[in-house]
Amino acid sequence: MQLVAGELERRASDQLLEKSLAEQARVLESWLRETHPSQPRATKTTIENNIRGAFRRFKGLENKESR
């Protein structure tokens, strides 16, 4: 899950976050499968549960910066 957390942070710093947690989890699930095929699979639901707090923080920062 560290790979996913790192990729989420990179996407947040590049302002590439999706609009919803569910969509972000789908994107990260695909990214993990394509970029790291030898790593254990994580489902969309597992990714959602693991990134929820960070995603909300990043979206909050993104919304503050766009004002």
Protein backbone atom coordinates (compact mmCIF):
# COMPACT_ATOMS: atom_id res chain seq x y z
CA MET A 1 0.00 0.00 0.00
CA GLN A 2 3.05 2.26 0.30
CA LEU A 3 3.30 2.40 -3.49
CA VAL A 4 -0.31 3.57 -3.73
CA ALA A 5 0.14 6.17 -0.97
CA GLY A 6 3.24 7.51 -2.68
CA GLU A 7 1.49 7.75 -6.03
CA LEU A 8 -1.48 9.51 -4.42
CA GLU A 9 0.88 12.06 -2.88
CA ARG A 10 2.63 12.60 -6.22
CA ARG A 11 -0.68 13.11 -8.00
CA ALA A 12 -1.81 15.54 -5.32
CA SER A 13 1.38 17.60 -5.63
CA ASP A 14 0.93 17.65 -9.42
CA GLN A 15 -2.75 18.62 -8.96
CA LEU A 16 -3.94 15.46 -10.70
CA LEU A 17 -6.50 14.28 -8.16
CA GLU A 18 -9.80 12.87 -9.35
CA LYS A 19 -13.09 14.45 -8.27
CA SER A 20 -14.16 11.56 -6.03
CA LEU A 21 -12.53 9.04 -3.74
CA ALA A 22 -14.06 6.17 -5.71
CA GLU A 23 -12.66 7.44 -9.01
CA GLN A 24 -9.24 8.07 -7.43
CA ALA A 25 -9.20 4.50 -6.10
CA ARG A 26 -10.10 3.12 -9.57
CA VAL A 27 -7.28 5.13 -11.16
CA LEU A 28 -4.79 3.98 -8.53
CA GLU A 29 -5.92 0.35 -8.86
CA SER A 30 -5.23 0.51 -12.62
CA TRP A 31 -1.94 2.32 -12.06
CA LEU A 32 -0.77 -0.35 -9.59
CA ARG A 33 -1.75 -3.20 -11.91
CA GLU A 34 -0.02 -1.64 -14.95
CA THR A 35 3.05 -0.13 -13.28
CA HIS A 36 3.83 -2.83 -10.72
CA PRO A 37 2.43 -6.10 -12.10
CA SER A 38 4.46 -8.27 -9.72
CA GLN A 39 3.05 -6.56 -6.61
CA PRO A 40 0.07 -8.05 -4.78
CA ARG A 41 -3.27 -6.76 -6.02
CA ALA A 42 -5.29 -4.26 -4.04
CA THR A 43 -8.98 -3.88 -4.81
CA LYS A 44 -10.67 -0.53 -5.32
CA THR A 45 -12.38 -0.89 -1.94
CA THR A 46 -9.11 -1.66 -0.15
CA ILE A 47 -7.46 1.34 -1.78
CA GLU A 48 -10.41 3.58 -0.86
CA ASN A 49 -10.19 2.51 2.77
CA ASN A 50 -6.46 3.15 2.87
CA ILE A 51 -6.36 6.53 1.11
CA ARG A 52 -9.58 8.09 2.47
CA GLY A 53 -7.94 10.36 5.06
CA ALA A 54 -5.09 11.49 2.82
CA PHE A 55 -7.44 12.05 -0.13
CA ARG A 56 -9.70 14.28 1.97
CA ARG A 57 -6.70 16.28 3.25
CA PHE A 58 -5.31 16.71 -0.26
CA LYS A 59 -8.71 17.72 -1.66
CA GLY A 60 -9.11 20.22 1.18
CA LEU A 61 -5.75 21.77 0.35
CA GLU A 62 -6.61 21.77 -3.36
CA ASN A 63 -9.88 23.60 -2.69
CA LYS A 64 -8.15 26.22 -0.52
CA GLU A 65 -5.51 26.88 -3.19
CA SER A 66 -8.10 27.36 -5.93
CA ARG A 67 -9.89 30.15 -4.07
